[in-house]
């Protein structure tokens, strides 16, 4: 995947998802409860000989010496998304012996508000015919900054990675399951519709009558699973994004930066009942999935360890697609 860097890395108020429902779906699919953390965001500052400012979709660049100003119009977020998805849909299906997805999960949370902890986890899913193999490895859990480390030490240096979290740093938890025992019965991935309306009609058939969540919420969660853990084709993937972008309340936002410093265009979910909100981040050029971000839109006593208004959880896609590589161990 290619990265696209705006001249001025503008960080909008990025919102991501629901640590109650979305993570419940993920827990049901692959097992393992998720921690609910919080955020410390560091701005990515671009330096150049001439400073550029983004104003109303136009980059304003002062020229050195003569005092004049040149401008370059930036495309609207929806245009960026449409162009990227056109490119994505035109890609051929991949090939390989098996399908693999690797994610780096980053959580920021604040125990009792005293200091911020960053927890990093590697999550790998393999699909090999009728078998799914999952590998989940806790990489680290440590204070985010030097100031957080001092506060942690002043609090008595309590354990940051505990048995309660099934936390074994550096050692993978491996499971092998029948493919039809996890996820949703959507049918063969290669045969899923490649038009948004037809795809929605197909997926809506799986919506359980009497479900406590709305149909759109159900389809968002189902789509999230398809994007991360099902070997859907590029054409179906593009149709899935277009389907989600048409949901009531979903907005498209350009120039969003993730925890790895990558800049993309995002689908932003409306806030849910518990004030959680999710963002799906795509590469601006290729439409490839960069990952997910989550934010708590306002203070909620059920999530006292999360700072409202800023991202606190990221899932960064490191690899996703067909490969001839085989799992080890």
C-alpha atoms as a PDB file:
ATOM      1  CA  UNK A   1       0.000   0.000   0.000  1.00  0.00           C
ATOM      2  CA  UNK A   2       1.243   3.491  -0.855  1.00  0.00           C
ATOM      3  CA  UNK A   3       1.188   6.332   1.612  1.00  0.00           C
ATOM      4  CA  UNK A   4      -0.012   9.800   0.627  1.00  0.00           C
ATOM      5  CA  UNK A   5       1.258  12.728   2.662  1.00  0.00           C
ATOM      6  CA  UNK A   6      -0.571  16.084   2.623  1.00  0.00           C
ATOM      7  CA  UNK A   7       1.727  19.107   2.756  1.00  0.00           C
ATOM      8  CA  UNK A   8       0.176  20.078   6.078  1.00  0.00           C
ATOM      9  CA  UNK A   9      -0.856  17.033   8.068  1.00  0.00           C
ATOM     10  CA  UNK A  10      -4.186  18.293   9.285  1.00  0.00           C
ATOM     11  CA  UNK A  11      -5.613  16.206  12.100  1.00  0.00           C
ATOM     12  CA  UNK A  12      -9.438  16.488  12.102  1.00  0.00           C
ATOM     13  CA  UNK A  13     -11.543  15.269  14.973  1.00  0.00           C
ATOM     14  CA  UNK A  14     -11.275  11.660  14.035  1.00  0.00           C
ATOM     15  CA  UNK A  15     -13.924   9.334  15.325  1.00  0.00           C
ATOM     16  CA  UNK A  16     -13.931   5.512  15.482  1.00  0.00           C
ATOM     17  CA  UNK A  17     -16.401   2.636  17.091  1.00  0.00           C
ATOM     18  CA  UNK A  18     -18.203   0.736  19.652  1.00  0.00           C
ATOM     19  CA  UNK A  19     -16.187  -1.119  22.229  1.00  0.00           C
ATOM     20  CA  UNK A  20     -19.379  -2.754  23.348  1.00  0.00           C
ATOM     21  CA  UNK A  21     -20.908  -3.983  20.105  1.00  0.00           C
ATOM     22  CA  UNK A  22     -18.148  -3.967  17.507  1.00  0.00           C
ATOM     23  CA  UNK A  23     -15.708  -5.542  19.923  1.00  0.00           C
ATOM     24  CA  UNK A  24     -18.355  -7.997  21.025  1.00  0.00           C
ATOM     25  CA  UNK A  25     -18.613  -9.115  17.415  1.00  0.00           C
ATOM     26  CA  UNK A  26     -14.829  -9.411  17.157  1.00  0.00           C
ATOM     27  CA  UNK A  27     -14.728 -11.326  20.422  1.00  0.00           C
ATOM     28  CA  UNK A  28     -17.401 -13.705  19.162  1.00  0.00           C
ATOM     29  CA  UNK A  29     -15.612 -14.213  15.866  1.00  0.00           C
ATOM     30  CA  UNK A  30     -12.049 -14.727  17.024  1.00  0.00           C
ATOM     31  CA  UNK A  31     -12.259 -14.961  20.804  1.00  0.00           C
ATOM     32  CA  UNK A  32     -10.497 -12.813  23.360  1.00  0.00           C
ATOM     33  CA  UNK A  33     -11.989  -9.758  25.077  1.00  0.00           C
ATOM     34  CA  UNK A  34     -10.675  -6.331  24.195  1.00  0.00           C
ATOM     35  CA  UNK A  35      -9.413  -3.731  26.590  1.00  0.00           C
ATOM     36  CA  UNK A  36     -10.923  -0.272  26.406  1.00  0.00           C
ATOM     37  CA  UNK A  37      -8.169   2.364  26.422  1.00  0.00           C
ATOM     38  CA  UNK A  38      -7.617   6.129  25.815  1.00  0.00           C
ATOM     39  CA  UNK A  39      -5.465   8.489  23.809  1.00  0.00           C
ATOM     40  CA  UNK A  40      -2.468  10.721  23.762  1.00  0.00           C
ATOM     41  CA  UNK A  41      -2.222  12.069  20.224  1.00  0.00           C
ATOM     42  CA  UNK A  42       0.961  13.588  18.808  1.00  0.00           C
ATOM     43  CA  UNK A  43       0.600  15.811  15.769  1.00  0.00           C
ATOM     44  CA  UNK A  44       2.639  15.070  12.704  1.00  0.00           C
ATOM     45  CA  UNK A  45       4.237  18.386  11.731  1.00  0.00           C
ATOM     46  CA  UNK A  46       5.390  18.894   8.151  1.00  0.00           C
ATOM     47  CA  UNK A  47       8.385  21.198   7.655  1.00  0.00           C
ATOM     48  CA  UNK A  48       9.223  22.800   4.341  1.00  0.00           C
ATOM     49  CA  UNK A  49      10.874  25.895   2.981  1.00  0.00           C
ATOM     50  CA  UNK A  50       7.465  27.421   2.339  1.00  0.00           C
ATOM     51  CA  UNK A  51       4.663  26.846   4.868  1.00  0.00           C
ATOM     52  CA  UNK A  52       1.411  25.575   3.351  1.00  0.00           C
ATOM     53  CA  UNK A  53      -2.019  26.074   4.897  1.00  0.00           C
ATOM     54  CA  UNK A  54      -5.186  24.130   4.007  1.00  0.00           C
ATOM     55  CA  UNK A  55      -8.172  26.481   3.903  1.00  0.00           C
ATOM     56  CA  UNK A  56     -11.593  25.272   2.745  1.00  0.00           C
ATOM     57  CA  UNK A  57     -10.194  22.592   0.456  1.00  0.00           C
ATOM     58  CA  UNK A  58      -7.518  24.897  -1.015  1.00  0.00           C
ATOM     59  CA  UNK A  59      -3.799  24.718  -0.244  1.00  0.00           C
ATOM     60  CA  UNK A  60      -2.443  28.264   0.149  1.00  0.00           C
ATOM     61  CA  UNK A  61       1.322  28.432  -0.400  1.00  0.00           C
ATOM     62  CA  UNK A  62       3.182  31.715   0.235  1.00  0.00           C
ATOM     63  CA  UNK A  63       5.916  32.322  -2.359  1.00  0.00           C
ATOM     64  CA  UNK A  64       9.257  33.419  -1.042  1.00  0.00           C
ATOM     65  CA  UNK A  65      10.470  36.852  -2.044  1.00  0.00           C
ATOM     66  CA  UNK A  66       7.621  38.409  -4.010  1.00  0.00           C
ATOM     67  CA  UNK A  67       4.839  38.184  -1.435  1.00  0.00           C
ATOM     68  CA  UNK A  68       2.417  36.578  -3.856  1.00  0.00           C
ATOM     69  CA  UNK A  69       0.342  33.509  -3.079  1.00  0.00           C
ATOM     70  CA  UNK A  70      -0.361  30.466  -5.242  1.00  0.00           C
ATOM     71  CA  UNK A  71      -3.303  28.173  -4.593  1.00  0.00           C
ATOM     72  CA  UNK A  72      -4.090  24.564  -5.472  1.00  0.00           C
ATOM     73  CA  UNK A  73      -7.622  23.239  -5.067  1.00  0.00           C
ATOM     74  CA  UNK A  74      -7.875  19.965  -3.169  1.00  0.00           C
ATOM     75  CA  UNK A  75     -10.544  17.427  -4.193  1.00  0.00           C
ATOM     76  CA  UNK A  76     -13.508  16.935  -1.884  1.00  0.00           C
ATOM     77  CA  UNK A  77     -13.376  13.920   0.421  1.00  0.00           C
ATOM     78  CA  UNK A  78     -16.144  12.107  -1.478  1.00  0.00           C
ATOM     79  CA  UNK A  79     -14.267  12.595  -4.744  1.00  0.00           C
ATOM     80  CA  UNK A  80     -11.073  11.217  -3.203  1.00  0.00           C
ATOM     81  CA  UNK A  81     -12.990   8.203  -1.949  1.00  0.00           C
ATOM     82  CA  UNK A  82     -14.763   7.536  -5.261  1.00  0.00           C
ATOM     83  CA  UNK A  83     -11.518   7.733  -7.223  1.00  0.00           C
ATOM     84  CA  UNK A  84      -9.732   5.389  -4.823  1.00  0.00           C
ATOM     85  CA  UNK A  85     -12.594   2.884  -4.919  1.00  0.00           C
ATOM     86  CA  UNK A  86     -12.660   2.929  -8.719  1.00  0.00           C
ATOM     87  CA  UNK A  87      -8.999   1.923  -8.649  1.00  0.00           C
ATOM     88  CA  UNK A  88      -9.651  -0.726  -6.011  1.00  0.00           C
ATOM     89  CA  UNK A  89     -12.565  -2.272  -7.911  1.00  0.00           C
ATOM     90  CA  UNK A  90     -10.414  -2.575 -11.057  1.00  0.00           C
ATOM     91  CA  UNK A  91      -7.797  -4.716  -9.295  1.00  0.00           C
ATOM     92  CA  UNK A  92      -7.825  -8.447 -10.136  1.00  0.00           C
ATOM     93  CA  UNK A  93      -8.533 -10.977  -7.369  1.00  0.00           C
ATOM     94  CA  UNK A  94      -5.400 -12.146  -5.614  1.00  0.00           C
ATOM     95  CA  UNK A  95      -4.005 -15.646  -5.660  1.00  0.00           C
ATOM     96  CA  UNK A  96      -1.995 -17.831  -3.334  1.00  0.00           C
ATOM     97  CA  UNK A  97      -2.062 -20.975  -1.258  1.00  0.00           C
ATOM     98  CA  UNK A  98      -3.829 -19.299   1.678  1.00  0.00           C
ATOM     99  CA  UNK A  99      -5.232 -15.982   2.861  1.00  0.00           C
ATOM    100  CA  UNK A 100      -3.557 -14.009   5.664  1.00  0.00           C
ATOM    101  CA  UNK A 101      -4.383 -10.881   7.637  1.00  0.00           C
ATOM    102  CA  UNK A 102      -1.994  -9.290  10.143  1.00  0.00           C
ATOM    103  CA  UNK A 103      -3.031  -6.409  12.391  1.00  0.00           C
ATOM    104  CA  UNK A 104      -1.194  -4.287  14.921  1.00  0.00           C
ATOM    105  CA  UNK A 105      -3.642  -3.259  17.635  1.00  0.00           C
ATOM    106  CA  UNK A 106      -2.786  -0.241  19.780  1.00  0.00           C
ATOM    107  CA  UNK A 107      -4.754   0.693  22.902  1.00  0.00           C
ATOM    108  CA  UNK A 108      -4.317   3.757  25.083  1.00  0.00           C
ATOM    109  CA  UNK A 109      -6.001   3.844  28.468  1.00  0.00           C
ATOM    110  CA  UNK A 110      -5.587   5.572  31.798  1.00  0.00           C
ATOM    111  CA  UNK A 111      -5.981   3.490  34.983  1.00  0.00           C
ATOM    112  CA  UNK A 112      -7.818   5.743  37.444  1.00  0.00           C
ATOM    113  CA  UNK A 113      -6.723   8.715  35.334  1.00  0.00           C
ATOM    114  CA  UNK A 114      -3.262   8.641  36.899  1.00  0.00           C
ATOM    115  CA  UNK A 115      -1.148   7.880  33.812  1.00  0.00           C
ATOM    116  CA  UNK A 116      -1.578   6.677  30.236  1.00  0.00           C
ATOM    117  CA  UNK A 117      -0.667   3.137  29.235  1.00  0.00           C
ATOM    118  CA  UNK A 118      -0.084   1.929  25.704  1.00  0.00           C
ATOM    119  CA  UNK A 119      -0.765  -1.720  24.948  1.00  0.00           C
ATOM    120  CA  UNK A 120       0.316  -3.204  21.606  1.00  0.00           C
ATOM    121  CA  UNK A 121      -0.907  -6.542  20.269  1.00  0.00           C
ATOM    122  CA  UNK A 122      -0.208  -8.463  17.078  1.00  0.00           C
ATOM    123  CA  UNK A 123      -3.197 -10.337  15.666  1.00  0.00           C
ATOM    124  CA  UNK A 124      -2.868 -12.731  12.705  1.00  0.00           C
ATOM    125  CA  UNK A 125      -5.597 -14.722  10.951  1.00  0.00           C
ATOM    126  CA  UNK A 126      -4.917 -17.463   8.393  1.00  0.00           C
ATOM    127  CA  UNK A 127      -7.587 -18.964   6.131  1.00  0.00           C
ATOM    128  CA  UNK A 128      -6.605 -22.248   4.565  1.00  0.00           C
ATOM    129  CA  UNK A 129      -9.574 -23.977   2.974  1.00  0.00           C
ATOM    130  CA  UNK A 130     -11.944 -25.104   5.696  1.00  0.00           C
ATOM    131  CA  UNK A 131      -9.569 -24.166   8.540  1.00  0.00           C
ATOM    132  CA  UNK A 132      -8.969 -20.843  10.307  1.00  0.00           C
ATOM    133  CA  UNK A 133      -5.870 -20.322  12.430  1.00  0.00           C
ATOM    134  CA  UNK A 134      -5.602 -17.324  14.754  1.00  0.00           C
ATOM    135  CA  UNK A 135      -2.396 -16.100  16.397  1.00  0.00           C
ATOM    136  CA  UNK A 136      -2.603 -13.367  19.029  1.00  0.00           C
ATOM    137  CA  UNK A 137       0.541 -12.005  20.669  1.00  0.00           C
ATOM    138  CA  UNK A 138       0.773  -9.279  23.321  1.00  0.00           C
ATOM    139  CA  UNK A 139       3.838  -7.285  22.315  1.00  0.00           C
ATOM    140  CA  UNK A 140       4.048  -4.755  25.135  1.00  0.00           C
ATOM    141  CA  UNK A 141       2.228  -2.806  27.827  1.00  0.00           C
ATOM    142  CA  UNK A 142       4.037   0.242  29.150  1.00  0.00           C
ATOM    143  CA  UNK A 143       3.571   3.901  30.161  1.00  0.00           C
ATOM    144  CA  UNK A 144       3.177   6.065  27.063  1.00  0.00           C
ATOM    145  CA  UNK A 145       5.584   8.902  27.926  1.00  0.00           C
ATOM    146  CA  UNK A 146       8.351   9.654  30.407  1.00  0.00           C
ATOM    147  CA  UNK A 147       5.855  11.667  32.469  1.00  0.00           C
ATOM    148  CA  UNK A 148       3.454   8.706  32.476  1.00  0.00           C
ATOM    149  CA  UNK A 149       6.289   6.435  33.588  1.00  0.00           C
ATOM    150  CA  UNK A 150       7.080   8.724  36.520  1.00  0.00           C
ATOM    151  CA  UNK A 151       3.413   8.794  37.524  1.00  0.00           C
ATOM    152  CA  UNK A 152       3.250   5.010  37.230  1.00  0.00           C
ATOM    153  CA  UNK A 153       6.305   4.643  39.483  1.00  0.00           C
ATOM    154  CA  UNK A 154       4.796   7.069  42.005  1.00  0.00           C
ATOM    155  CA  UNK A 155       1.689   4.845  42.027  1.00  0.00           C
ATOM    156  CA  UNK A 156       3.838   1.882  43.080  1.00  0.00           C
ATOM    157  CA  UNK A 157       4.570   0.456  39.614  1.00  0.00           C
ATOM    158  CA  UNK A 158       1.478  -1.801  39.441  1.00  0.00           C
ATOM    159  CA  UNK A 159       1.370  -4.576  36.845  1.00  0.00           C
ATOM    160  CA  UNK A 160       0.372  -3.260  33.422  1.00  0.00           C
ATOM    161  CA  UNK A 161      -0.087  -6.658  31.823  1.00  0.00           C
ATOM    162  CA  UNK A 162      -1.968  -8.987  34.139  1.00  0.00           C
ATOM    163  CA  UNK A 163      -3.196 -12.562  34.193  1.00  0.00           C
ATOM    164  CA  UNK A 164      -6.728 -11.190  34.033  1.00  0.00           C
ATOM    165  CA  UNK A 165      -5.901  -9.939  30.522  1.00  0.00           C
ATOM    166  CA  UNK A 166      -4.411 -13.327  29.582  1.00  0.00           C
ATOM    167  CA  UNK A 167      -1.298 -11.276  29.026  1.00  0.00           C
ATOM    168  CA  UNK A 168       1.801 -13.245  28.101  1.00  0.00           C
ATOM    169  CA  UNK A 169       4.123 -10.769  26.432  1.00  0.00           C
ATOM    170  CA  UNK A 170       5.918 -12.199  23.428  1.00  0.00           C
ATOM    171  CA  UNK A 171       4.119 -15.561  23.351  1.00  0.00           C
ATOM    172  CA  UNK A 172       1.388 -16.186  20.788  1.00  0.00           C
ATOM    173  CA  UNK A 173      -1.955 -17.717  21.721  1.00  0.00           C
ATOM    174  CA  UNK A 174      -2.808 -19.990  18.798  1.00  0.00           C
ATOM    175  CA  UNK A 175      -6.206 -21.439  17.927  1.00  0.00           C
ATOM    176  CA  UNK A 176      -7.273 -23.566  14.968  1.00  0.00           C
ATOM    177  CA  UNK A 177     -10.986 -23.716  14.185  1.00  0.00           C
ATOM    178  CA  UNK A 178     -13.293 -24.932  11.421  1.00  0.00           C
ATOM    179  CA  UNK A 179     -13.932 -22.006   9.072  1.00  0.00           C
ATOM    180  CA  UNK A 180     -17.702 -22.486   9.247  1.00  0.00           C
ATOM    181  CA  UNK A 181     -17.676 -22.186  13.046  1.00  0.00           C
ATOM    182  CA  UNK A 182     -16.806 -18.461  13.136  1.00  0.00           C
ATOM    183  CA  UNK A 183     -18.182 -15.334  11.545  1.00  0.00           C
ATOM    184  CA  UNK A 184     -21.292 -15.056   9.407  1.00  0.00           C
ATOM    185  CA  UNK A 185     -22.684 -17.463   6.786  1.00  0.00           C
ATOM    186  CA  UNK A 186     -22.272 -15.074   3.852  1.00  0.00           C
ATOM    187  CA  UNK A 187     -21.468 -17.769   1.297  1.00  0.00           C
ATOM    188  CA  UNK A 188     -18.354 -18.129  -0.887  1.00  0.00           C
ATOM    189  CA  UNK A 189     -16.329 -14.919  -0.767  1.00  0.00           C
ATOM    190  CA  UNK A 190     -15.554 -14.972  -4.481  1.00  0.00           C
ATOM    191  CA  UNK A 191     -19.280 -15.035  -5.315  1.00  0.00           C
ATOM    192  CA  UNK A 192     -20.391 -12.062  -3.215  1.00  0.00           C
ATOM    193  CA  UNK A 193     -22.029  -9.223  -5.207  1.00  0.00           C
ATOM    194  CA  UNK A 194     -19.846  -6.420  -6.574  1.00  0.00           C
ATOM    195  CA  UNK A 195     -22.574  -3.759  -6.692  1.00  0.00           C
ATOM    196  CA  UNK A 196     -23.492  -1.887  -3.461  1.00  0.00           C
ATOM    197  CA  UNK A 197     -27.277  -2.359  -3.702  1.00  0.00           C
ATOM    198  CA  UNK A 198     -27.034  -6.063  -4.524  1.00  0.00           C
ATOM    199  CA  UNK A 199     -24.459  -6.581  -1.785  1.00  0.00           C
ATOM    200  CA  UNK A 200     -26.661  -4.879   0.802  1.00  0.00           C
ATOM    201  CA  UNK A 201     -29.644  -6.994  -0.235  1.00  0.00           C
ATOM    202  CA  UNK A 202     -27.540 -10.149   0.111  1.00  0.00           C
ATOM    203  CA  UNK A 203     -26.136  -9.251   3.524  1.00  0.00           C
ATOM    204  CA  UNK A 204     -29.458  -7.977   4.890  1.00  0.00           C
ATOM    205  CA  UNK A 205     -30.835 -11.505   4.633  1.00  0.00           C
ATOM    206  CA  UNK A 206     -28.585 -12.375   7.592  1.00  0.00           C
ATOM    207  CA  UNK A 207     -30.087  -9.714   9.874  1.00  0.00           C
ATOM    208  CA  UNK A 208     -31.791 -11.541  12.763  1.00  0.00           C
ATOM    209  CA  UNK A 209     -35.383 -10.511  13.350  1.00  0.00           C
ATOM    210  CA  UNK A 210     -35.855  -8.979  16.781  1.00  0.00           C
ATOM    211  CA  UNK A 211     -32.179  -8.042  17.107  1.00  0.00           C
ATOM    212  CA  UNK A 212     -31.485  -5.322  19.715  1.00  0.00           C
ATOM    213  CA  UNK A 213     -29.362  -3.338  17.247  1.00  0.00           C
ATOM    214  CA  UNK A 214     -30.445  -1.523  14.116  1.00  0.00           C
ATOM    215  CA  UNK A 215     -30.055  -3.077  10.691  1.00  0.00           C
ATOM    216  CA  UNK A 216     -27.397  -0.513   9.749  1.00  0.00           C
ATOM    217  CA  UNK A 217     -25.435  -1.243  12.926  1.00  0.00           C
ATOM    218  CA  UNK A 218     -25.604  -4.965  12.198  1.00  0.00           C
ATOM    219  CA  UNK A 219     -24.431  -4.429   8.608  1.00  0.00           C
ATOM    220  CA  UNK A 220     -21.567  -2.195   9.781  1.00  0.00           C
ATOM    221  CA  UNK A 221     -20.341  -4.928  12.142  1.00  0.00           C
ATOM    222  CA  UNK A 222     -20.763  -7.594   9.484  1.00  0.00           C
ATOM    223  CA  UNK A 223     -18.900  -5.435   6.966  1.00  0.00           C
ATOM    224  CA  UNK A 224     -16.085  -4.925   9.437  1.00  0.00           C
ATOM    225  CA  UNK A 225     -15.674  -8.689   9.738  1.00  0.00           C
ATOM    226  CA  UNK A 226     -15.723  -9.106   5.960  1.00  0.00           C
ATOM    227  CA  UNK A 227     -13.015  -6.458   5.604  1.00  0.00           C
ATOM    228  CA  UNK A 228     -10.697  -7.939   8.198  1.00  0.00           C
ATOM    229  CA  UNK A 229     -11.288 -11.682   8.237  1.00  0.00           C
ATOM    230  CA  UNK A 230     -12.810 -12.798   4.936  1.00  0.00           C
ATOM    231  CA  UNK A 231     -11.030 -13.182   1.608  1.00  0.00           C
ATOM    232  CA  UNK A 232     -13.429 -10.972  -0.373  1.00  0.00           C
ATOM    233  CA  UNK A 233     -12.374  -9.710  -3.813  1.00  0.00           C
ATOM    234  CA  UNK A 234     -11.277  -6.099  -4.483  1.00  0.00           C
ATOM    235  CA  UNK A 235     -14.516  -5.480  -6.416  1.00  0.00           C
ATOM    236  CA  UNK A 236     -16.657  -6.691  -3.501  1.00  0.00           C
ATOM    237  CA  UNK A 237     -14.506  -4.679  -1.086  1.00  0.00           C
ATOM    238  CA  UNK A 238     -15.101  -1.491  -3.085  1.00  0.00           C
ATOM    239  CA  UNK A 239     -18.857  -2.213  -3.175  1.00  0.00           C
ATOM    240  CA  UNK A 240     -18.809  -2.730   0.596  1.00  0.00           C
ATOM    241  CA  UNK A 241     -17.233   0.690   1.178  1.00  0.00           C
ATOM    242  CA  UNK A 242     -19.760   2.347  -1.130  1.00  0.00           C
ATOM    243  CA  UNK A 243     -22.576   0.584   0.717  1.00  0.00           C
ATOM    244  CA  UNK A 244     -21.320   1.860   4.081  1.00  0.00           C
ATOM    245  CA  UNK A 245     -20.773   5.395   2.760  1.00  0.00           C
ATOM    246  CA  UNK A 246     -24.475   5.522   1.812  1.00  0.00           C
ATOM    247  CA  UNK A 247     -25.693   4.726   5.345  1.00  0.00           C
ATOM    248  CA  UNK A 248     -27.582   7.580   7.080  1.00  0.00           C
ATOM    249  CA  UNK A 249     -25.213   9.657   9.193  1.00  0.00           C
ATOM    250  CA  UNK A 250     -21.991   8.187   7.765  1.00  0.00           C
ATOM    251  CA  UNK A 251     -19.581  10.899   6.616  1.00  0.00           C
ATOM    252  CA  UNK A 252     -16.406  10.848   4.521  1.00  0.00           C
ATOM    253  CA  UNK A 253     -13.349  12.678   5.856  1.00  0.00           C
ATOM    254  CA  UNK A 254     -10.046  13.231   4.101  1.00  0.00           C
ATOM    255  CA  UNK A 255      -6.604  13.865   5.576  1.00  0.00           C
ATOM    256  CA  UNK A 256      -7.024  11.591   8.601  1.00  0.00           C
ATOM    257  CA  UNK A 257      -3.808  10.381  10.277  1.00  0.00           C
ATOM    258  CA  UNK A 258      -3.497   7.049  12.081  1.00  0.00           C
ATOM    259  CA  UNK A 259      -1.227   6.038  14.941  1.00  0.00           C
ATOM    260  CA  UNK A 260       1.502   5.036  12.455  1.00  0.00           C
ATOM    261  CA  UNK A 261       1.449   8.481  10.835  1.00  0.00           C
ATOM    262  CA  UNK A 262      -0.260   7.305   7.633  1.00  0.00           C
ATOM    263  CA  UNK A 263      -2.740   9.730   6.054  1.00  0.00           C
ATOM    264  CA  UNK A 264      -5.919   8.456   4.421  1.00  0.00           C
ATOM    265  CA  UNK A 265      -9.570   9.054   3.622  1.00  0.00           C
ATOM    266  CA  UNK A 266     -12.076   7.753   6.160  1.00  0.00           C
ATOM    267  CA  UNK A 267     -15.622   6.526   6.523  1.00  0.00           C
ATOM    268  CA  UNK A 268     -16.878   7.908   9.845  1.00  0.00           C
ATOM    269  CA  UNK A 269     -19.660   6.053  11.600  1.00  0.00           C
ATOM    270  CA  UNK A 270     -22.376   8.018  13.462  1.00  0.00           C
ATOM    271  CA  UNK A 271     -21.997   7.854  17.259  1.00  0.00           C
ATOM    272  CA  UNK A 272     -23.672   4.827  18.808  1.00  0.00           C
ATOM    273  CA  UNK A 273     -25.952   4.735  21.821  1.00  0.00           C
ATOM    274  CA  UNK A 274     -22.977   4.454  24.196  1.00  0.00           C
ATOM    275  CA  UNK A 275     -21.209   7.415  22.503  1.00  0.00           C
ATOM    276  CA  UNK A 276     -18.595   5.196  20.828  1.00  0.00           C
ATOM    277  CA  UNK A 277     -17.775   5.899  17.195  1.00  0.00           C
ATOM    278  CA  UNK A 278     -15.629   4.058  14.651  1.00  0.00           C
ATOM    279  CA  UNK A 279     -13.686   5.211  11.637  1.00  0.00           C
ATOM    280  CA  UNK A 280     -12.533   3.053   8.710  1.00  0.00           C
ATOM    281  CA  UNK A 281      -9.366   4.448   7.130  1.00  0.00           C
ATOM    282  CA  UNK A 282      -8.453   3.788   3.483  1.00  0.00           C
ATOM    283  CA  UNK A 283      -5.421   4.584   1.367  1.00  0.00           C
ATOM    284  CA  UNK A 284      -6.203   7.716  -0.689  1.00  0.00           C
ATOM    285  CA  UNK A 285      -4.718   6.335  -3.882  1.00  0.00           C
ATOM    286  CA  UNK A 286      -5.441   2.601  -3.917  1.00  0.00           C
ATOM    287  CA  UNK A 287      -8.508   2.306  -1.673  1.00  0.00           C
ATOM    288  CA  UNK A 288      -6.728  -0.423   0.290  1.00  0.00           C
ATOM    289  CA  UNK A 289      -7.738  -0.782   3.942  1.00  0.00           C
ATOM    290  CA  UNK A 290      -5.318   0.980   6.300  1.00  0.00           C
ATOM    291  CA  UNK A 291      -7.215   0.126   9.463  1.00  0.00           C
ATOM    292  CA  UNK A 292      -9.712   1.301  12.085  1.00  0.00           C
ATOM    293  CA  UNK A 293      -9.810   3.960  14.779  1.00  0.00           C
ATOM    294  CA  UNK A 294     -12.184   4.318  17.689  1.00  0.00           C
ATOM    295  CA  UNK A 295     -13.183   7.298  19.794  1.00  0.00           C
ATOM    296  CA  UNK A 296     -15.475   8.009  22.739  1.00  0.00           C
ATOM    297  CA  UNK A 297     -17.414  11.099  21.677  1.00  0.00           C
ATOM    298  CA  UNK A 298     -18.216  12.347  25.189  1.00  0.00           C
ATOM    299  CA  UNK A 299     -17.577  11.346  28.785  1.00  0.00           C
ATOM    300  CA  UNK A 300     -19.273   8.104  29.798  1.00  0.00           C
ATOM    301  CA  UNK A 301     -19.018   6.609  33.309  1.00  0.00           C
ATOM    302  CA  UNK A 302     -18.881   3.122  31.790  1.00  0.00           C
ATOM    303  CA  UNK A 303     -15.575   4.075  30.125  1.00  0.00           C
ATOM    304  CA  UNK A 304     -13.921   6.108  32.853  1.00  0.00           C
ATOM    305  CA  UNK A 305     -10.413   5.123  31.693  1.00  0.00           C
ATOM    306  CA  UNK A 306     -10.914   6.644  28.215  1.00  0.00           C
ATOM    307  CA  UNK A 307     -10.384  10.303  27.388  1.00  0.00           C
ATOM    308  CA  UNK A 308     -13.405  11.536  25.392  1.00  0.00           C
ATOM    309  CA  UNK A 309     -13.020  13.250  22.051  1.00  0.00           C
ATOM    310  CA  UNK A 310      -9.768  11.671  20.901  1.00  0.00           C
ATOM    311  CA  UNK A 311      -8.864   8.284  19.386  1.00  0.00           C
ATOM    312  CA  UNK A 312      -7.974   5.612  21.933  1.00  0.00           C
ATOM    313  CA  UNK A 313      -7.843   2.419  19.851  1.00  0.00           C
ATOM    314  CA  UNK A 314      -6.340   1.599  16.484  1.00  0.00           C
ATOM    315  CA  UNK A 315      -6.189  -1.530  14.362  1.00  0.00           C
ATOM    316  CA  UNK A 316      -3.446  -1.025  11.804  1.00  0.00           C
ATOM    317  CA  UNK A 317      -3.550  -3.392   8.829  1.00  0.00           C
ATOM    318  CA  UNK A 318      -0.007  -4.628   8.232  1.00  0.00           C
ATOM    319  CA  UNK A 319      -0.875  -7.302   5.664  1.00  0.00           C
ATOM    320  CA  UNK A 320      -4.118  -8.505   4.127  1.00  0.00           C
ATOM    321  CA  UNK A 321      -4.471 -10.822   1.136  1.00  0.00           C
ATOM    322  CA  UNK A 322      -3.416 -14.042  -0.527  1.00  0.00           C
ATOM    323  CA  UNK A 323       0.041 -15.486   0.093  1.00  0.00           C
ATOM    324  CA  UNK A 324       2.103 -18.634  -0.439  1.00  0.00           C
ATOM    325  CA  UNK A 325       3.604 -18.114   3.006  1.00  0.00           C
ATOM    326  CA  UNK A 326       2.718 -20.789   5.575  1.00  0.00           C
ATOM    327  CA  UNK A 327       2.240 -20.395   9.336  1.00  0.00           C
ATOM    328  CA  UNK A 328       4.947 -21.726  11.630  1.00  0.00           C
ATOM    329  CA  UNK A 329       4.693 -23.222  15.088  1.00  0.00           C
END
